[in-house]
Each structure stands twice: as C-alpha cells, then as structure tokens.
N, C-alpha and C. Protein backbone atom coordinates (compact mmCIF):
# COMPACT_ATOMS: atom_id res chain seq x y z
N MET A 1 -7.29 1.84 1.78
CA MET A 1 -6.61 2.60 2.79
C MET A 1 -7.07 2.14 4.16
N CYS A 2 -6.18 2.14 5.12
CA CYS A 2 -6.49 1.80 6.50
C CYS A 2 -5.97 2.92 7.38
N ALA A 3 -6.68 3.20 8.44
CA ALA A 3 -6.19 4.16 9.43
C ALA A 3 -5.65 3.38 10.60
N VAL A 4 -4.52 3.81 11.11
CA VAL A 4 -3.95 3.19 12.30
C VAL A 4 -3.67 4.26 13.33
N THR A 5 -3.77 3.89 14.58
CA THR A 5 -3.58 4.84 15.66
C THR A 5 -2.63 4.26 16.68
N THR A 6 -1.67 5.06 17.10
CA THR A 6 -0.75 4.62 18.14
C THR A 6 -1.38 4.88 19.49
N GLY A 7 -0.72 4.47 20.53
CA GLY A 7 -1.25 4.64 21.88
C GLY A 7 -1.53 6.09 22.23
N ASP A 8 -0.83 7.04 21.64
CA ASP A 8 -1.09 8.44 21.95
C ASP A 8 -2.03 9.09 20.94
N GLN A 9 -2.73 8.28 20.20
CA GLN A 9 -3.79 8.71 19.30
C GLN A 9 -3.32 9.44 18.05
N ASN A 10 -2.06 9.34 17.67
CA ASN A 10 -1.62 9.86 16.39
C ASN A 10 -2.12 8.94 15.30
N ALA A 11 -2.66 9.50 14.24
CA ALA A 11 -3.21 8.66 13.17
C ALA A 11 -2.28 8.63 11.97
N VAL A 12 -2.15 7.46 11.41
CA VAL A 12 -1.41 7.25 10.18
C VAL A 12 -2.31 6.44 9.27
N ALA A 13 -2.34 6.80 8.01
CA ALA A 13 -3.16 6.06 7.06
C ALA A 13 -2.28 5.27 6.11
N ILE A 14 -2.66 4.05 5.88
CA ILE A 14 -1.97 3.23 4.88
C ILE A 14 -2.70 3.52 3.57
N ASN A 15 -2.14 4.43 2.80
CA ASN A 15 -2.81 4.89 1.59
C ASN A 15 -2.11 4.35 0.34
N ALA A 16 -2.48 4.89 -0.80
CA ALA A 16 -1.95 4.38 -2.07
C ALA A 16 -0.42 4.36 -2.10
N GLU A 17 0.21 5.34 -1.48
CA GLU A 17 1.67 5.39 -1.48
C GLU A 17 2.28 4.22 -0.70
N LEU A 18 1.49 3.61 0.17
CA LEU A 18 2.01 2.55 1.03
C LEU A 18 1.29 1.22 0.82
N THR A 19 0.82 0.97 -0.39
CA THR A 19 0.11 -0.28 -0.68
C THR A 19 0.94 -1.50 -0.30
N PHE A 20 2.22 -1.46 -0.58
CA PHE A 20 3.10 -2.57 -0.23
C PHE A 20 3.10 -2.83 1.27
N LEU A 21 3.05 -1.75 2.07
CA LEU A 21 3.05 -1.89 3.51
C LEU A 21 1.75 -2.53 4.00
N ASP A 22 0.66 -2.20 3.37
CA ASP A 22 -0.62 -2.81 3.72
C ASP A 22 -0.57 -4.31 3.50
N GLU A 23 0.02 -4.74 2.40
CA GLU A 23 0.17 -6.17 2.12
C GLU A 23 1.01 -6.84 3.20
N MET A 24 2.12 -6.22 3.57
CA MET A 24 2.98 -6.80 4.60
C MET A 24 2.27 -6.80 5.95
N TRP A 25 1.55 -5.72 6.25
CA TRP A 25 0.86 -5.60 7.53
C TRP A 25 -0.18 -6.70 7.70
N HIS A 26 -0.93 -6.97 6.63
CA HIS A 26 -1.96 -8.02 6.72
C HIS A 26 -1.34 -9.37 7.05
N THR A 27 -0.13 -9.61 6.59
CA THR A 27 0.55 -10.85 6.94
C THR A 27 1.07 -10.79 8.37
N PHE A 28 1.71 -9.69 8.73
CA PHE A 28 2.31 -9.53 10.06
C PHE A 28 1.26 -9.64 11.16
N ILE A 29 0.11 -9.05 10.96
CA ILE A 29 -0.92 -9.01 12.00
C ILE A 29 -1.43 -10.42 12.35
N LEU A 30 -1.26 -11.38 11.45
CA LEU A 30 -1.66 -12.76 11.72
C LEU A 30 -0.77 -13.42 12.77
N PHE A 31 0.43 -12.92 12.91
CA PHE A 31 1.37 -13.42 13.93
C PHE A 31 1.21 -12.53 15.16
N THR A 32 0.11 -12.73 15.86
CA THR A 32 -0.37 -11.78 16.87
C THR A 32 0.64 -11.47 17.96
N ARG A 33 1.32 -12.45 18.47
CA ARG A 33 2.28 -12.22 19.55
C ARG A 33 3.43 -11.32 19.08
N ASP A 34 4.02 -11.67 17.94
CA ASP A 34 5.12 -10.86 17.39
C ASP A 34 4.64 -9.46 17.04
N TYR A 35 3.46 -9.39 16.45
CA TYR A 35 2.88 -8.10 16.05
C TYR A 35 2.66 -7.21 17.26
N ALA A 36 2.07 -7.75 18.32
CA ALA A 36 1.80 -6.98 19.53
C ALA A 36 3.11 -6.47 20.15
N GLN A 37 4.12 -7.33 20.21
CA GLN A 37 5.42 -6.92 20.76
C GLN A 37 6.04 -5.79 19.93
N PHE A 38 5.98 -5.91 18.60
CA PHE A 38 6.50 -4.86 17.73
C PHE A 38 5.80 -3.53 17.98
N CYS A 39 4.48 -3.58 18.02
CA CYS A 39 3.70 -2.35 18.23
C CYS A 39 4.09 -1.66 19.54
N HIS A 40 4.17 -2.44 20.60
CA HIS A 40 4.50 -1.84 21.89
C HIS A 40 5.94 -1.33 21.93
N ARG A 41 6.84 -2.07 21.32
CA ARG A 41 8.26 -1.68 21.36
C ARG A 41 8.54 -0.44 20.51
N TYR A 42 7.99 -0.41 19.29
CA TYR A 42 8.36 0.65 18.36
C TYR A 42 7.32 1.76 18.21
N LEU A 43 6.08 1.48 18.56
CA LEU A 43 5.02 2.45 18.28
C LEU A 43 4.28 2.93 19.52
N GLY A 44 4.69 2.47 20.68
CA GLY A 44 4.10 2.98 21.92
C GLY A 44 2.75 2.39 22.28
N GLY A 45 2.29 1.41 21.57
CA GLY A 45 1.01 0.77 21.87
C GLY A 45 0.53 -0.05 20.70
N TYR A 46 -0.45 -0.87 20.96
CA TYR A 46 -1.00 -1.77 19.95
C TYR A 46 -1.69 -0.98 18.84
N ILE A 47 -1.41 -1.33 17.61
CA ILE A 47 -2.01 -0.67 16.46
C ILE A 47 -3.14 -1.55 15.93
N HIS A 48 -4.35 -1.06 16.02
CA HIS A 48 -5.51 -1.81 15.55
C HIS A 48 -5.69 -1.61 14.05
N HIS A 49 -6.22 -2.60 13.41
CA HIS A 49 -6.51 -2.55 11.99
C HIS A 49 -7.91 -1.98 11.81
N ALA A 50 -8.02 -0.90 11.06
CA ALA A 50 -9.31 -0.25 10.84
C ALA A 50 -9.45 0.08 9.35
N PRO A 51 -9.90 -0.89 8.56
CA PRO A 51 -10.04 -0.64 7.12
C PRO A 51 -11.00 0.50 6.83
N THR A 52 -10.73 1.20 5.76
CA THR A 52 -11.62 2.27 5.33
C THR A 52 -12.95 1.67 4.91
N THR A 53 -14.03 2.22 5.43
CA THR A 53 -15.35 1.70 5.10
C THR A 53 -15.83 2.26 3.77
N TYR A 54 -16.85 1.64 3.23
CA TYR A 54 -17.44 2.12 1.97
C TYR A 54 -17.92 3.56 2.12
N SER A 55 -18.56 3.87 3.23
CA SER A 55 -19.07 5.24 3.42
C SER A 55 -17.93 6.25 3.52
N GLU A 56 -16.81 5.86 4.12
CA GLU A 56 -15.65 6.75 4.19
C GLU A 56 -15.06 6.99 2.80
N LYS A 57 -14.99 5.93 2.00
CA LYS A 57 -14.50 6.08 0.63
C LYS A 57 -15.43 6.99 -0.18
N LYS A 58 -16.72 6.80 0.01
CA LYS A 58 -17.71 7.62 -0.69
C LYS A 58 -17.58 9.08 -0.28
N GLN A 59 -17.40 9.34 1.01
CA GLN A 59 -17.23 10.70 1.52
C GLN A 59 -15.99 11.35 0.92
N THR A 60 -14.90 10.60 0.84
CA THR A 60 -13.67 11.12 0.24
C THR A 60 -13.90 11.49 -1.22
N GLY A 61 -14.63 10.64 -1.93
CA GLY A 61 -14.97 10.93 -3.33
C GLY A 61 -15.78 12.20 -3.48
N HIS A 62 -16.72 12.40 -2.57
CA HIS A 62 -17.54 13.62 -2.60
C HIS A 62 -16.68 14.86 -2.33
N GLN A 63 -15.78 14.75 -1.35
CA GLN A 63 -14.89 15.87 -1.04
C GLN A 63 -14.01 16.21 -2.24
N PHE A 64 -13.51 15.18 -2.89
CA PHE A 64 -12.65 15.35 -4.07
C PHE A 64 -13.41 16.09 -5.17
N GLN A 65 -14.64 15.66 -5.44
CA GLN A 65 -15.44 16.26 -6.51
C GLN A 65 -15.94 17.66 -6.14
N LYS A 66 -16.24 17.86 -4.87
CA LYS A 66 -16.81 19.14 -4.43
C LYS A 66 -15.81 20.28 -4.56
N ASN A 67 -14.62 20.07 -4.06
CA ASN A 67 -13.62 21.13 -4.10
C ASN A 67 -12.23 20.50 -4.14
N PHE A 68 -11.70 20.37 -5.34
CA PHE A 68 -10.42 19.69 -5.52
C PHE A 68 -9.29 20.39 -4.75
N ASP A 69 -9.25 21.71 -4.78
CA ASP A 69 -8.17 22.44 -4.10
C ASP A 69 -8.18 22.18 -2.60
N ASP A 70 -9.36 22.21 -1.98
CA ASP A 70 -9.46 21.92 -0.54
C ASP A 70 -9.04 20.48 -0.25
N PHE A 71 -9.49 19.57 -1.11
CA PHE A 71 -9.14 18.16 -0.96
C PHE A 71 -7.63 17.98 -1.03
N LEU A 72 -7.00 18.60 -2.03
CA LEU A 72 -5.56 18.49 -2.21
C LEU A 72 -4.81 19.09 -1.02
N ASN A 73 -5.24 20.23 -0.53
CA ASN A 73 -4.58 20.84 0.63
C ASN A 73 -4.71 19.97 1.88
N GLN A 74 -5.87 19.37 2.06
CA GLN A 74 -6.07 18.48 3.20
C GLN A 74 -5.17 17.26 3.07
N ARG A 75 -5.09 16.72 1.87
CA ARG A 75 -4.25 15.54 1.63
C ARG A 75 -2.78 15.86 1.90
N LYS A 76 -2.32 17.01 1.46
CA LYS A 76 -0.93 17.43 1.71
C LYS A 76 -0.67 17.55 3.20
N SER A 77 -1.62 18.13 3.92
CA SER A 77 -1.48 18.29 5.37
C SER A 77 -1.43 16.93 6.07
N GLU A 78 -2.28 16.01 5.64
CA GLU A 78 -2.29 14.67 6.22
C GLU A 78 -0.96 13.95 5.97
N LEU A 79 -0.44 14.07 4.75
CA LEU A 79 0.84 13.43 4.44
C LEU A 79 1.98 14.05 5.24
N LYS A 80 1.97 15.35 5.41
CA LYS A 80 3.00 16.01 6.21
C LYS A 80 2.98 15.49 7.64
N ASP A 81 1.78 15.38 8.21
CA ASP A 81 1.65 14.85 9.57
C ASP A 81 2.13 13.40 9.63
N GLN A 82 1.75 12.63 8.61
CA GLN A 82 2.13 11.23 8.57
C GLN A 82 3.64 11.07 8.48
N TYR A 83 4.28 11.84 7.61
CA TYR A 83 5.74 11.80 7.51
C TYR A 83 6.38 12.08 8.86
N SER A 84 5.85 13.07 9.55
CA SER A 84 6.39 13.45 10.85
C SER A 84 6.25 12.31 11.86
N ILE A 85 5.10 11.66 11.89
CA ILE A 85 4.88 10.55 12.82
C ILE A 85 5.83 9.40 12.51
N ILE A 86 5.95 9.04 11.25
CA ILE A 86 6.83 7.94 10.86
C ILE A 86 8.28 8.28 11.19
N TYR A 87 8.68 9.50 10.91
CA TYR A 87 10.04 9.95 11.22
C TYR A 87 10.29 9.86 12.72
N ASP A 88 9.35 10.37 13.52
CA ASP A 88 9.51 10.40 14.98
C ASP A 88 9.56 9.00 15.59
N TYR A 89 8.73 8.10 15.11
CA TYR A 89 8.65 6.77 15.70
C TYR A 89 9.63 5.77 15.10
N LEU A 90 9.86 5.85 13.80
CA LEU A 90 10.65 4.83 13.13
C LEU A 90 11.92 5.34 12.47
N GLY A 91 12.09 6.66 12.41
CA GLY A 91 13.33 7.23 11.91
C GLY A 91 13.34 7.62 10.44
N GLU A 92 14.33 8.42 10.10
CA GLU A 92 14.48 8.94 8.74
C GLU A 92 14.68 7.83 7.72
N GLU A 93 15.47 6.83 8.09
CA GLU A 93 15.76 5.74 7.16
C GLU A 93 14.47 5.02 6.75
N THR A 94 13.60 4.77 7.70
CA THR A 94 12.32 4.11 7.39
C THR A 94 11.45 4.99 6.53
N LEU A 95 11.39 6.27 6.83
CA LEU A 95 10.59 7.20 6.03
C LEU A 95 11.04 7.18 4.57
N ILE A 96 12.32 7.25 4.35
CA ILE A 96 12.86 7.24 2.99
C ILE A 96 12.58 5.90 2.30
N LYS A 97 12.80 4.80 3.01
CA LYS A 97 12.53 3.47 2.43
C LYS A 97 11.07 3.37 2.00
N TRP A 98 10.17 3.74 2.90
CA TRP A 98 8.74 3.56 2.62
C TRP A 98 8.27 4.41 1.47
N TYR A 99 8.66 5.68 1.44
CA TYR A 99 8.09 6.59 0.45
C TYR A 99 8.90 6.75 -0.83
N GLU A 100 10.15 6.37 -0.80
CA GLU A 100 10.95 6.45 -2.03
C GLU A 100 11.32 5.06 -2.53
N THR A 101 12.19 4.40 -1.80
CA THR A 101 12.72 3.12 -2.25
C THR A 101 11.63 2.09 -2.50
N TYR A 102 10.84 1.78 -1.48
CA TYR A 102 9.82 0.74 -1.61
C TYR A 102 8.66 1.20 -2.48
N GLY A 103 8.31 2.46 -2.38
CA GLY A 103 7.21 2.98 -3.19
C GLY A 103 7.46 2.84 -4.68
N GLU A 104 8.71 3.03 -5.08
CA GLU A 104 9.07 2.88 -6.50
C GLU A 104 9.19 1.42 -6.90
N LYS A 105 9.69 0.59 -5.99
CA LYS A 105 9.92 -0.81 -6.30
C LYS A 105 8.64 -1.63 -6.25
N TYR A 106 7.82 -1.43 -5.24
CA TYR A 106 6.63 -2.25 -5.01
C TYR A 106 5.37 -1.50 -5.41
N THR A 107 5.19 -1.31 -6.68
CA THR A 107 4.03 -0.60 -7.21
C THR A 107 2.78 -1.49 -7.09
N LYS A 108 1.61 -0.89 -7.29
CA LYS A 108 0.37 -1.67 -7.28
C LYS A 108 0.42 -2.79 -8.32
N GLU A 109 0.97 -2.48 -9.47
CA GLU A 109 1.07 -3.46 -10.54
C GLU A 109 1.96 -4.64 -10.13
N TYR A 110 3.08 -4.33 -9.49
CA TYR A 110 3.98 -5.38 -9.03
C TYR A 110 3.29 -6.25 -7.99
N ILE A 111 2.63 -5.63 -7.05
CA ILE A 111 1.95 -6.39 -5.99
C ILE A 111 0.88 -7.29 -6.58
N LYS A 112 0.11 -6.78 -7.53
CA LYS A 112 -0.91 -7.62 -8.19
C LYS A 112 -0.27 -8.80 -8.90
N SER A 113 0.90 -8.60 -9.47
CA SER A 113 1.55 -9.68 -10.24
C SER A 113 2.10 -10.79 -9.33
N VAL A 114 2.40 -10.49 -8.08
CA VAL A 114 2.96 -11.51 -7.18
C VAL A 114 1.93 -12.03 -6.17
N ARG A 115 0.78 -11.42 -6.11
CA ARG A 115 -0.26 -11.85 -5.16
C ARG A 115 -0.78 -13.23 -5.55
N LYS A 116 -0.97 -14.06 -4.56
CA LYS A 116 -1.46 -15.42 -4.83
C LYS A 116 -2.91 -15.53 -4.52
C-alpha cells in the first residue's frame, strides 16, 4: 500500500483494491515530466510516492488483531473518504472503473502472471 497526498493534503491510499493502479503508477512516475503535468492538471498538485513502511504495516497488523471491529470501521471510513476524493477529482466514471471494472479484471493473480 502507498499513501498519496494532493496539494490540499487529502490522502488516498493505493491499497489491495487498487493493486493494478500501483503497478501502473510505478511505471508512470518514471516519466517525470508527464507525471508532474498530470498531477498538477488533474489532482491540484504533485503526488509524491510514499510506500508503506514495515513499521506502518506492523502497526496495522496490531490494530487488526487488537480490535477487529474498530479496524473494520476505520477501514470503511477510509474507503468512503477515498471514494469521495477520487469522485471529486477524477469523476464517477474513474471511480467505477477503478473499483469495479479494473478491480475485477486486474486481480493480484493476474498482475503476478504478467509481471516481468
């Protein structure tokens, strides 16, 4: 998972539901000029890449084990906020593509099978 922040400090996480997007993002970010222009045009500012650290993953695991219901409620709240940000910045069509169409088509298994 990676956290990304727009110029106005809204956070979006590239999580399991968006594994395909993480793969595309890692390629896109290498084309720095195009990537920077896209970020400024569509997202209001440059989006920095901030991979989840080992300690952050460990903390998430502890939260999950400590109180599953709280963890689940927090996760639902984060996804709701994320959907709203994606909808506001990129539109309904993108939201549906990312979470339904592409999520079903580009599973983790599929990505592993085509990764070089």
